[in-house]
């Protein structure tokens, strides 16, 4: 079992207490920006290549998800998106940054 799955509940608790959008932006820029764009706008070429519809991260469909769901999708993936377990320490911060993209 992956380490992040064992400690997932602790990640959720810490998300509520210590999320830092500025730190999340740095982690997002390093691990997410290539596909999701600097401001949450999907990379159209990537979407075409994968043959998927990517939502803007500020869209109501994304923003309406719980922090726990967004952390889980970041770590485990969703659809054709592969998870990024390497950002486990920053997952709550990444979600805090994603919340700043709300339209």
Protein backbone atom coordinates (compact mmCIF):
# COMPACT_ATOMS: atom_id res chain seq x y z
CA UNK A 1 0.00 0.00 0.00
CA UNK A 2 1.29 3.45 -0.89
CA UNK A 3 2.44 5.56 2.05
CA UNK A 4 0.15 8.46 1.14
CA UNK A 5 -2.89 6.15 1.33
CA UNK A 6 -1.97 5.19 4.88
CA UNK A 7 -1.69 8.81 5.96
CA UNK A 8 -4.45 10.27 3.76
CA UNK A 9 -6.71 11.09 6.74
CA UNK A 10 -3.88 13.09 8.32
CA UNK A 11 -3.42 15.02 5.08
CA UNK A 12 -7.10 15.97 5.18
CA UNK A 13 -6.88 17.17 8.78
CA UNK A 14 -3.76 19.21 8.07
CA UNK A 15 -5.48 20.69 4.99
CA UNK A 16 -8.04 22.32 7.20
CA UNK A 17 -5.42 23.79 9.55
CA UNK A 18 -2.36 24.78 7.61
CA UNK A 19 -3.05 25.28 3.91
CA UNK A 20 -0.80 27.92 2.38
CA UNK A 21 -1.80 29.17 -1.09
CA UNK A 22 1.61 30.77 -1.75
CA UNK A 23 3.42 27.50 -1.04
CA UNK A 24 0.74 25.75 -3.08
CA UNK A 25 1.44 27.99 -6.06
CA UNK A 26 5.12 27.03 -6.00
CA UNK A 27 4.25 23.30 -5.87
CA UNK A 28 1.54 23.78 -8.52
CA UNK A 29 3.97 25.59 -10.82
CA UNK A 30 6.46 22.74 -10.48
CA UNK A 31 4.03 19.82 -10.88
CA UNK A 32 0.69 20.93 -12.35
CA UNK A 33 1.17 24.01 -14.52
CA UNK A 34 2.37 22.08 -17.57
CA UNK A 35 -1.10 20.57 -18.07
CA UNK A 36 -3.39 22.93 -16.14
CA UNK A 37 -1.81 26.28 -17.04
CA UNK A 38 -0.50 29.02 -14.77
CA UNK A 39 -3.99 30.35 -14.06
CA UNK A 40 -5.91 27.05 -14.20
CA UNK A 41 -6.63 27.30 -17.93
CA UNK A 42 -6.13 23.84 -19.43
CA UNK A 43 -3.32 23.29 -21.90
CA UNK A 44 -5.35 22.83 -25.10
CA UNK A 45 -2.61 20.86 -26.87
CA UNK A 46 -2.37 18.45 -23.95
CA UNK A 47 -6.16 18.00 -23.87
CA UNK A 48 -6.20 17.28 -27.62
CA UNK A 49 -3.34 14.84 -27.34
CA UNK A 50 -5.05 12.94 -24.51
CA UNK A 51 -8.47 13.31 -26.17
CA UNK A 52 -10.03 14.65 -22.99
CA UNK A 53 -12.00 17.69 -21.94
CA UNK A 54 -10.15 19.49 -19.20
CA UNK A 55 -12.07 21.93 -17.02
CA UNK A 56 -10.61 25.24 -15.94
CA UNK A 57 -9.57 24.78 -12.32
CA UNK A 58 -11.62 27.83 -11.39
CA UNK A 59 -14.79 26.40 -12.93
CA UNK A 60 -17.75 25.65 -10.65
CA UNK A 61 -17.42 21.91 -11.39
CA UNK A 62 -13.92 21.92 -9.93
CA UNK A 63 -14.43 24.49 -7.19
CA UNK A 64 -17.54 22.63 -6.01
CA UNK A 65 -15.45 19.60 -5.05
CA UNK A 66 -14.36 19.20 -1.46
CA UNK A 67 -10.74 19.76 -0.48
CA UNK A 68 -10.54 16.04 0.29
CA UNK A 69 -11.70 15.14 -3.23
CA UNK A 70 -9.21 17.53 -4.85
CA UNK A 71 -6.37 16.19 -2.71
CA UNK A 72 -7.32 12.61 -3.61
CA UNK A 73 -7.46 13.44 -7.34
CA UNK A 74 -4.09 15.18 -7.12
CA UNK A 75 -2.44 12.23 -5.40
CA UNK A 76 -4.23 9.34 -7.13
CA UNK A 77 -5.28 10.85 -10.46
CA UNK A 78 -8.64 11.05 -12.20
CA UNK A 79 -9.59 9.88 -15.68
CA UNK A 80 -6.45 9.90 -17.83
CA UNK A 81 -4.61 12.14 -15.37
CA UNK A 82 -2.01 10.20 -13.46
CA UNK A 83 -1.67 10.90 -9.78
CA UNK A 84 1.28 12.81 -8.41
CA UNK A 85 2.12 11.16 -5.08
CA UNK A 86 5.38 13.13 -4.95
CA UNK A 87 3.39 16.26 -3.98
CA UNK A 88 1.82 14.59 -0.94
CA UNK A 89 3.41 17.08 1.48
CA UNK A 90 2.09 19.99 -0.58
CA UNK A 91 -1.30 18.59 -1.61
CA UNK A 92 -3.30 20.74 0.82
CA UNK A 93 -1.32 23.82 -0.23
CA UNK A 94 -1.96 23.05 -3.91
CA UNK A 95 -5.69 22.86 -3.18
CA UNK A 96 -5.46 26.19 -1.32
CA UNK A 97 -3.88 27.69 -4.46
CA UNK A 98 -6.56 26.10 -6.70
CA UNK A 99 -9.19 27.81 -4.52
CA UNK A 100 -7.66 31.18 -5.48
CA UNK A 101 -8.48 30.44 -9.16
CA UNK A 102 -12.24 30.50 -8.56
CA UNK A 103 -14.08 32.31 -11.33
